[in-house]
Each structure stands twice: as structure tokens, then as C-alpha cells.
Amino acid sequence: MRSDPAPQAQPEPAGEYLFVWGDTVVGRRLLIGVGIAVLGALAGLYGGQAVFTALLADAKLVHVWSLITGILGSVAAGIVTGMLFRPARTVTQDATGAARSAAVVQEMAASPQGLGTLEQASPLSRRELDEAGLTPVFEEAQRTEREHG
């Protein structure tokens, strides 16, 4: 499986990455994205307040609708940020990845708990293994385990 991102003019310099909410991001891009989000939310909030003040007589309704336009401004800012900063990841699966998977399965088989069998796995686990393309790796490990005792 290969997912190629949109071509970028220059690679990001090393050392510019931050670990935020379980993901690795480029600090400069994060800062720009937050700035766009703040501007979008404020533009939506105060723009909506100005428009709805002119259209509605009830101040409570103006408040509610300006909050809604503020949220819409945030969503629009998220879309703009997503279009500006495409993911920089390239996901690949190659022979090295397959060999690594096989090595991990062999390591699991050598553990005190052993590997077990695919027949013992739950239907959900079997489906996940099939989707990940790991069923043949586990079948091969089971064959090897049977042959070597």
C-alpha cells in the first residue's frame, strides 16, 4: 500500500518536529494552523455579531447566531489549514516491512505464552489479521512451529 502526498517544494529541516497529542508535527506549521484557526473563529464570531445585530432585534438570538458563525469560522479555518498543509507522511509496505512482521511473529512464537493458533483467535482478531495481510505470516509461523516441534 502506498500513499504519496502532494509534492512539496522543500523538505522540512530536521529538528523542527514536535510531539503533540500522539502525533509528530512541524512546529511552524502548527503555529500557523493555530493562527488561522483563531482568525477564522474571531472573524466568524464578530462578523456574525455585526451581521445579526443589524438583522435581529433580540440580543440573545444575536449571541446564539454569532456563536454559530464563530464555529463555522473555525471549521472553515480547519479546511483552509488542511488544504495548506498536506500530510508529510508516506506510508509504504515493502519486503522489509513483511520481513519485519515475520520476525515479530517468530519472536512472539518463542515467548513463554507461545503463538497459539489462528483457530483459537476470535473472529474479530481473524478479520483484523486478514485486513492487515498478516494471516499468511501467522500460517507460516504455525507450519514452522509444527515442523520443529
N, C-alpha and C. Protein backbone atom coordinates (compact mmCIF):
# COMPACT_ATOMS: atom_id res chain seq x y z
N MET A 1 0.86 -1.16 0.00
CA MET A 1 0.00 0.00 0.00
C MET A 1 0.90 1.22 0.00
N ARG A 2 0.61 2.18 -0.85
CA ARG A 2 1.44 3.37 -0.93
C ARG A 2 0.53 4.59 -1.01
N SER A 3 0.82 5.56 -0.18
CA SER A 3 0.07 6.81 -0.17
C SER A 3 1.06 7.93 -0.35
N ASP A 4 1.07 8.53 -1.52
CA ASP A 4 2.01 9.60 -1.80
C ASP A 4 1.36 10.95 -1.55
N PRO A 5 1.96 11.79 -0.74
CA PRO A 5 1.39 13.12 -0.50
C PRO A 5 1.64 14.01 -1.70
N ALA A 6 0.99 15.15 -1.69
CA ALA A 6 1.21 16.14 -2.74
C ALA A 6 2.67 16.58 -2.70
N PRO A 7 3.29 16.81 -3.85
CA PRO A 7 4.70 17.20 -3.84
C PRO A 7 4.90 18.52 -3.11
N GLN A 8 6.00 18.58 -2.38
CA GLN A 8 6.31 19.80 -1.65
C GLN A 8 7.57 20.40 -2.22
N ALA A 9 7.68 21.72 -2.12
CA ALA A 9 8.83 22.42 -2.68
C ALA A 9 10.12 22.03 -1.96
N GLN A 10 10.11 22.01 -0.63
CA GLN A 10 11.31 21.72 0.13
C GLN A 10 10.97 20.81 1.29
N PRO A 11 11.85 19.88 1.62
CA PRO A 11 11.60 19.08 2.82
C PRO A 11 11.81 19.93 4.06
N GLU A 12 11.11 19.55 5.11
CA GLU A 12 11.24 20.28 6.37
C GLU A 12 12.60 19.98 6.98
N PRO A 13 13.27 20.99 7.55
CA PRO A 13 14.57 20.75 8.17
C PRO A 13 14.42 19.87 9.40
N ALA A 14 15.42 19.02 9.63
CA ALA A 14 15.41 18.13 10.79
C ALA A 14 15.46 18.96 12.07
N GLY A 15 14.85 18.44 13.13
CA GLY A 15 14.86 19.14 14.40
C GLY A 15 13.71 20.11 14.58
N GLU A 16 12.82 20.19 13.60
CA GLU A 16 11.70 21.12 13.66
C GLU A 16 10.42 20.44 14.14
N TYR A 17 10.49 19.18 14.54
CA TYR A 17 9.29 18.42 14.85
C TYR A 17 8.96 18.48 16.34
N LEU A 18 7.65 18.43 16.62
CA LEU A 18 7.14 18.39 17.99
C LEU A 18 6.20 17.20 18.12
N PHE A 19 6.09 16.66 19.31
CA PHE A 19 5.16 15.56 19.57
C PHE A 19 3.95 16.15 20.28
N VAL A 20 2.81 16.20 19.58
CA VAL A 20 1.60 16.83 20.11
C VAL A 20 0.43 15.87 19.95
N TRP A 21 -0.26 15.57 21.05
CA TRP A 21 -1.45 14.72 21.04
C TRP A 21 -1.23 13.43 20.29
N GLY A 22 -0.11 12.77 20.55
CA GLY A 22 0.16 11.48 19.96
C GLY A 22 0.58 11.52 18.51
N ASP A 23 0.94 12.68 18.00
CA ASP A 23 1.36 12.79 16.61
C ASP A 23 2.60 13.68 16.52
N THR A 24 3.37 13.49 15.48
CA THR A 24 4.55 14.31 15.25
C THR A 24 4.19 15.39 14.24
N VAL A 25 4.43 16.64 14.59
CA VAL A 25 4.07 17.76 13.73
C VAL A 25 5.25 18.71 13.58
N VAL A 26 5.18 19.52 12.54
CA VAL A 26 6.18 20.56 12.33
C VAL A 26 5.71 21.77 13.13
N GLY A 27 6.53 22.25 14.04
CA GLY A 27 6.15 23.34 14.93
C GLY A 27 5.68 24.59 14.21
N ARG A 28 6.37 24.97 13.15
CA ARG A 28 6.00 26.17 12.39
C ARG A 28 4.61 26.01 11.78
N ARG A 29 4.33 24.83 11.22
CA ARG A 29 3.02 24.59 10.63
C ARG A 29 1.92 24.60 11.69
N LEU A 30 2.21 24.03 12.84
CA LEU A 30 1.24 24.03 13.93
C LEU A 30 0.91 25.45 14.35
N LEU A 31 1.93 26.28 14.49
CA LEU A 31 1.71 27.67 14.89
C LEU A 31 0.89 28.43 13.85
N ILE A 32 1.19 28.23 12.59
CA ILE A 32 0.42 28.89 11.53
C ILE A 32 -1.01 28.38 11.53
N GLY A 33 -1.20 27.07 11.71
CA GLY A 33 -2.55 26.50 11.76
C GLY A 33 -3.37 27.05 12.92
N VAL A 34 -2.75 27.18 14.07
CA VAL A 34 -3.45 27.76 15.23
C VAL A 34 -3.82 29.21 14.95
N GLY A 35 -2.90 29.95 14.33
CA GLY A 35 -3.19 31.34 13.98
C GLY A 35 -4.37 31.45 13.02
N ILE A 36 -4.39 30.59 12.02
CA ILE A 36 -5.52 30.60 11.07
C ILE A 36 -6.81 30.24 11.78
N ALA A 37 -6.77 29.28 12.70
CA ALA A 37 -7.97 28.89 13.43
C ALA A 37 -8.50 30.03 14.29
N VAL A 38 -7.60 30.73 14.96
CA VAL A 38 -8.02 31.85 15.81
C VAL A 38 -8.63 32.96 14.95
N LEU A 39 -7.97 33.28 13.84
CA LEU A 39 -8.51 34.31 12.95
C LEU A 39 -9.85 33.92 12.38
N GLY A 40 -10.00 32.66 11.98
CA GLY A 40 -11.27 32.20 11.43
C GLY A 40 -12.39 32.26 12.45
N ALA A 41 -12.10 31.83 13.68
CA ALA A 41 -13.11 31.84 14.74
C ALA A 41 -13.52 33.26 15.10
N LEU A 42 -12.53 34.14 15.23
CA LEU A 42 -12.85 35.53 15.58
C LEU A 42 -13.60 36.24 14.45
N ALA A 43 -13.18 35.98 13.21
CA ALA A 43 -13.89 36.59 12.08
C ALA A 43 -15.33 36.11 12.04
N GLY A 44 -15.53 34.81 12.26
CA GLY A 44 -16.89 34.28 12.27
C GLY A 44 -17.71 34.84 13.42
N LEU A 45 -17.11 34.93 14.60
CA LEU A 45 -17.82 35.42 15.78
C LEU A 45 -18.21 36.88 15.64
N TYR A 46 -17.21 37.73 15.38
CA TYR A 46 -17.51 39.17 15.33
C TYR A 46 -18.20 39.57 14.03
N GLY A 47 -17.90 38.86 12.95
CA GLY A 47 -18.62 39.13 11.70
C GLY A 47 -20.08 38.76 11.83
N GLY A 48 -20.34 37.60 12.43
CA GLY A 48 -21.72 37.18 12.67
C GLY A 48 -22.43 38.11 13.62
N GLN A 49 -21.72 38.59 14.62
CA GLN A 49 -22.32 39.52 15.58
C GLN A 49 -22.74 40.81 14.88
N ALA A 50 -21.88 41.32 14.01
CA ALA A 50 -22.20 42.55 13.27
C ALA A 50 -23.39 42.34 12.35
N VAL A 51 -23.40 41.22 11.64
CA VAL A 51 -24.50 40.95 10.69
C VAL A 51 -25.80 40.74 11.44
N PHE A 52 -25.79 39.91 12.49
CA PHE A 52 -27.04 39.59 13.17
C PHE A 52 -27.54 40.72 14.06
N THR A 53 -26.67 41.62 14.47
CA THR A 53 -27.12 42.81 15.21
C THR A 53 -27.97 43.67 14.29
N ALA A 54 -27.57 43.75 13.03
CA ALA A 54 -28.33 44.54 12.06
C ALA A 54 -29.64 43.85 11.67
N LEU A 55 -29.69 42.53 11.72
CA LEU A 55 -30.87 41.79 11.25
C LEU A 55 -31.86 41.44 12.35
N LEU A 56 -31.40 41.23 13.58
CA LEU A 56 -32.27 40.75 14.65
C LEU A 56 -32.37 41.77 15.77
N ALA A 57 -33.55 41.83 16.37
CA ALA A 57 -33.76 42.76 17.48
C ALA A 57 -33.42 42.11 18.83
N ASP A 58 -33.56 40.81 18.94
CA ASP A 58 -33.34 40.10 20.19
C ASP A 58 -31.84 39.86 20.40
N ALA A 59 -31.29 40.41 21.48
CA ALA A 59 -29.85 40.30 21.76
C ALA A 59 -29.43 38.86 22.02
N LYS A 60 -30.33 38.05 22.63
CA LYS A 60 -29.99 36.66 22.89
C LYS A 60 -29.81 35.88 21.59
N LEU A 61 -30.67 36.16 20.62
CA LEU A 61 -30.54 35.49 19.33
C LEU A 61 -29.27 35.92 18.60
N VAL A 62 -28.92 37.20 18.74
CA VAL A 62 -27.67 37.69 18.13
C VAL A 62 -26.49 36.92 18.73
N HIS A 63 -26.52 36.71 20.03
CA HIS A 63 -25.46 35.99 20.72
C HIS A 63 -25.35 34.54 20.20
N VAL A 64 -26.49 33.88 20.12
CA VAL A 64 -26.52 32.49 19.67
C VAL A 64 -26.02 32.37 18.24
N TRP A 65 -26.53 33.20 17.35
CA TRP A 65 -26.14 33.10 15.95
C TRP A 65 -24.70 33.53 15.72
N SER A 66 -24.20 34.46 16.51
CA SER A 66 -22.79 34.83 16.35
C SER A 66 -21.87 33.70 16.83
N LEU A 67 -22.30 32.96 17.85
CA LEU A 67 -21.52 31.79 18.27
C LEU A 67 -21.51 30.72 17.19
N ILE A 68 -22.65 30.53 16.53
CA ILE A 68 -22.72 29.55 15.45
C ILE A 68 -21.81 29.97 14.30
N THR A 69 -21.80 31.24 13.94
CA THR A 69 -20.91 31.69 12.86
C THR A 69 -19.44 31.60 13.29
N GLY A 70 -19.18 31.75 14.58
CA GLY A 70 -17.82 31.56 15.08
C GLY A 70 -17.37 30.11 14.91
N ILE A 71 -18.26 29.18 15.19
CA ILE A 71 -17.95 27.76 14.99
C ILE A 71 -17.75 27.48 13.50
N LEU A 72 -18.59 28.03 12.66
CA LEU A 72 -18.42 27.85 11.21
C LEU A 72 -17.10 28.44 10.73
N GLY A 73 -16.69 29.56 11.34
CA GLY A 73 -15.38 30.14 11.01
C GLY A 73 -14.25 29.21 11.40
N SER A 74 -14.40 28.53 12.53
CA SER A 74 -13.39 27.55 12.96
C SER A 74 -13.32 26.38 11.99
N VAL A 75 -14.46 25.89 11.56
CA VAL A 75 -14.50 24.78 10.60
C VAL A 75 -13.85 25.20 9.28
N ALA A 76 -14.20 26.39 8.81
CA ALA A 76 -13.61 26.89 7.56
C ALA A 76 -12.09 27.04 7.71
N ALA A 77 -11.63 27.50 8.86
CA ALA A 77 -10.19 27.63 9.10
C ALA A 77 -9.52 26.26 9.11
N GLY A 78 -10.18 25.26 9.65
CA GLY A 78 -9.64 23.91 9.63
C GLY A 78 -9.50 23.37 8.21
N ILE A 79 -10.48 23.66 7.38
CA ILE A 79 -10.41 23.23 5.98
C ILE A 79 -9.27 23.93 5.26
N VAL A 80 -9.14 25.24 5.48
CA VAL A 80 -8.05 26.00 4.85
C VAL A 80 -6.70 25.47 5.31
N THR A 81 -6.56 25.22 6.60
CA THR A 81 -5.30 24.70 7.13
C THR A 81 -4.99 23.33 6.55
N GLY A 82 -6.02 22.49 6.43
CA GLY A 82 -5.83 21.17 5.85
C GLY A 82 -5.40 21.23 4.39
N MET A 83 -5.89 22.23 3.67
CA MET A 83 -5.50 22.38 2.27
C MET A 83 -4.09 22.95 2.14
N LEU A 84 -3.71 23.81 3.07
CA LEU A 84 -2.36 24.40 3.03
C LEU A 84 -1.28 23.41 3.41
N PHE A 85 -1.55 22.59 4.40
CA PHE A 85 -0.53 21.69 4.94
C PHE A 85 -0.98 20.24 4.78
N ARG A 86 -0.69 19.68 3.65
CA ARG A 86 -0.99 18.27 3.39
C ARG A 86 -0.10 17.41 4.29
N PRO A 87 -0.55 16.18 4.62
CA PRO A 87 0.29 15.30 5.44
C PRO A 87 1.62 15.03 4.75
N ALA A 88 2.66 15.00 5.54
CA ALA A 88 4.01 14.81 5.02
C ALA A 88 4.44 13.35 5.09
N ARG A 89 3.53 12.47 5.45
CA ARG A 89 3.87 11.06 5.61
C ARG A 89 3.77 10.32 4.29
N THR A 90 4.60 9.31 4.15
CA THR A 90 4.50 8.36 3.06
C THR A 90 4.37 6.99 3.70
N VAL A 91 3.24 6.33 3.48
CA VAL A 91 3.00 5.02 4.05
C VAL A 91 3.30 4.00 2.97
N THR A 92 4.21 3.09 3.28
CA THR A 92 4.57 2.04 2.32
C THR A 92 4.58 0.69 3.01
N GLN A 93 4.40 -0.33 2.21
CA GLN A 93 4.56 -1.69 2.70
C GLN A 93 5.43 -2.38 1.67
N ASP A 94 6.59 -2.80 2.10
CA ASP A 94 7.52 -3.43 1.18
C ASP A 94 8.06 -4.71 1.79
N ALA A 95 9.02 -5.31 1.12
CA ALA A 95 9.58 -6.57 1.60
C ALA A 95 10.21 -6.42 2.97
N THR A 96 10.81 -5.27 3.25
CA THR A 96 11.41 -5.04 4.56
C THR A 96 10.34 -5.08 5.63
N GLY A 97 9.18 -4.44 5.37
CA GLY A 97 8.07 -4.46 6.33
C GLY A 97 7.55 -5.86 6.54
N ALA A 98 7.45 -6.65 5.45
CA ALA A 98 6.97 -8.03 5.56
C ALA A 98 7.96 -8.88 6.35
N ALA A 99 9.25 -8.69 6.10
CA ALA A 99 10.27 -9.44 6.84
C ALA A 99 10.24 -9.07 8.31
N ARG A 100 10.02 -7.81 8.59
CA ARG A 100 9.94 -7.34 9.97
C ARG A 100 8.72 -7.96 10.67
N SER A 101 7.60 -8.04 9.95
CA SER A 101 6.39 -8.66 10.52
C SER A 101 6.64 -10.12 10.84
N ALA A 102 7.30 -10.82 9.92
CA ALA A 102 7.60 -12.23 10.14
C ALA A 102 8.52 -12.40 11.34
N ALA A 103 9.49 -11.51 11.49
CA ALA A 103 10.41 -11.59 12.62
C ALA A 103 9.67 -11.37 13.94
N VAL A 104 8.73 -10.45 13.95
CA VAL A 104 7.96 -10.19 15.18
C VAL A 104 7.10 -11.39 15.51
N VAL A 105 6.49 -12.02 14.51
CA VAL A 105 5.68 -13.21 14.75
C VAL A 105 6.55 -14.34 15.30
N GLN A 106 7.74 -14.52 14.75
CA GLN A 106 8.66 -15.55 15.25
C GLN A 106 9.05 -15.27 16.70
N GLU A 107 9.26 -14.01 17.00
CA GLU A 107 9.59 -13.62 18.38
C GLU A 107 8.43 -13.93 19.32
N MET A 108 7.20 -13.68 18.86
CA MET A 108 6.02 -14.00 19.66
C MET A 108 5.92 -15.51 19.88
N ALA A 109 6.22 -16.28 18.85
CA ALA A 109 6.15 -17.74 18.95
C ALA A 109 7.16 -18.26 19.96
N ALA A 110 8.31 -17.60 20.08
CA ALA A 110 9.36 -18.03 21.01
C ALA A 110 9.08 -17.60 22.45
N SER A 111 8.09 -16.75 22.66
CA SER A 111 7.79 -16.28 24.01
C SER A 111 7.17 -17.41 24.83
N PRO A 112 7.17 -17.29 26.16
CA PRO A 112 6.63 -18.36 27.01
C PRO A 112 5.16 -18.68 26.72
N GLN A 113 4.36 -17.69 26.34
CA GLN A 113 2.95 -17.94 26.04
C GLN A 113 2.77 -18.64 24.70
N GLY A 114 3.77 -18.54 23.84
CA GLY A 114 3.67 -19.14 22.52
C GLY A 114 2.79 -18.29 21.61
N LEU A 115 2.65 -18.75 20.40
CA LEU A 115 1.88 -18.00 19.41
C LEU A 115 0.41 -18.36 19.43
N GLY A 116 0.10 -19.59 19.79
CA GLY A 116 -1.28 -20.04 19.69
C GLY A 116 -1.59 -20.39 18.25
N THR A 117 -2.86 -20.59 17.94
CA THR A 117 -3.23 -20.92 16.57
C THR A 117 -4.26 -19.93 16.07
N LEU A 118 -4.37 -19.85 14.77
CA LEU A 118 -5.37 -18.95 14.19
C LEU A 118 -6.78 -19.42 14.53
N GLU A 119 -6.96 -20.73 14.71
CA GLU A 119 -8.28 -21.26 15.05
C GLU A 119 -8.72 -20.78 16.44
N GLN A 120 -7.75 -20.51 17.32
CA GLN A 120 -8.07 -20.04 18.66
C GLN A 120 -8.42 -18.55 18.69
N ALA A 121 -8.07 -17.83 17.64
CA ALA A 121 -8.31 -16.39 17.60
C ALA A 121 -9.79 -16.10 17.41
N SER A 122 -10.23 -14.99 17.95
CA SER A 122 -11.63 -14.58 17.81
C SER A 122 -11.90 -14.16 16.37
N PRO A 123 -13.16 -14.15 15.96
CA PRO A 123 -13.48 -13.71 14.60
C PRO A 123 -12.99 -12.29 14.31
N LEU A 124 -13.06 -11.42 15.31
CA LEU A 124 -12.59 -10.05 15.13
C LEU A 124 -11.08 -10.03 14.89
N SER A 125 -10.35 -10.81 15.68
CA SER A 125 -8.89 -10.87 15.50
C SER A 125 -8.54 -11.44 14.14
N ARG A 126 -9.26 -12.47 13.71
CA ARG A 126 -9.00 -13.06 12.38
C ARG A 126 -9.26 -12.04 11.28
N ARG A 127 -10.34 -11.29 11.40
CA ARG A 127 -10.66 -10.27 10.40
C ARG A 127 -9.58 -9.19 10.36
N GLU A 128 -9.11 -8.76 11.54
CA GLU A 128 -8.06 -7.75 11.59
C GLU A 128 -6.76 -8.27 10.97
N LEU A 129 -6.43 -9.52 11.24
CA LEU A 129 -5.23 -10.11 10.63
C LEU A 129 -5.37 -10.17 9.11
N ASP A 130 -6.56 -10.56 8.64
CA ASP A 130 -6.80 -10.62 7.19
C ASP A 130 -6.67 -9.24 6.56
N GLU A 131 -7.27 -8.23 7.19
CA GLU A 131 -7.22 -6.87 6.66
C GLU A 131 -5.80 -6.33 6.62
N ALA A 132 -4.99 -6.72 7.60
CA ALA A 132 -3.60 -6.26 7.65
C ALA A 132 -2.68 -7.09 6.76
N GLY A 133 -3.22 -8.17 6.19
CA GLY A 133 -2.41 -9.03 5.34
C GLY A 133 -1.44 -9.89 6.12
N LEU A 134 -1.74 -10.16 7.39
CA LEU A 134 -0.82 -10.91 8.25
C LEU A 134 -1.20 -12.37 8.42
N THR A 135 -2.33 -12.80 7.89
CA THR A 135 -2.73 -14.20 8.05
C THR A 135 -1.69 -15.16 7.46
N PRO A 136 -1.16 -14.90 6.25
CA PRO A 136 -0.13 -15.81 5.73
C PRO A 136 1.12 -15.87 6.60
N VAL A 137 1.48 -14.77 7.22
CA VAL A 137 2.65 -14.75 8.11
C VAL A 137 2.41 -15.65 9.30
N PHE A 138 1.21 -15.58 9.89
CA PHE A 138 0.89 -16.42 11.03
C PHE A 138 0.77 -17.89 10.62
N GLU A 139 0.21 -18.16 9.43
CA GLU A 139 0.10 -19.54 8.95
C GLU A 139 1.49 -20.15 8.76
N GLU A 140 2.40 -19.37 8.19
CA GLU A 140 3.78 -19.85 8.00
C GLU A 140 4.45 -20.12 9.34
N ALA A 141 4.22 -19.25 10.32
CA ALA A 141 4.81 -19.44 11.65
C ALA A 141 4.25 -20.70 12.30
N GLN A 142 2.96 -20.97 12.10
CA GLN A 142 2.36 -22.19 12.65
C GLN A 142 2.95 -23.44 11.99
N ARG A 143 3.14 -23.40 10.67
CA ARG A 143 3.75 -24.52 9.96
C ARG A 143 5.16 -24.78 10.48
N THR A 144 5.92 -23.72 10.63
CA THR A 144 7.30 -23.85 11.13
C THR A 144 7.29 -24.41 12.54
N GLU A 145 6.38 -23.95 13.37
CA GLU A 145 6.30 -24.42 14.76
C GLU A 145 5.96 -25.91 14.81
N ARG A 146 5.03 -26.36 13.94
CA ARG A 146 4.67 -27.78 13.89
C ARG A 146 5.83 -28.65 13.41
N GLU A 147 6.57 -28.14 12.43
CA GLU A 147 7.69 -28.91 11.87
C GLU A 147 8.84 -29.05 12.88
N HIS A 148 9.04 -28.00 13.69
CA HIS A 148 10.16 -28.02 14.63
C HIS A 148 9.76 -28.45 16.03
N GLY A 149 8.57 -28.91 16.19
CA GLY A 149 8.17 -29.47 17.48
C GLY A 149 7.46 -28.49 18.30
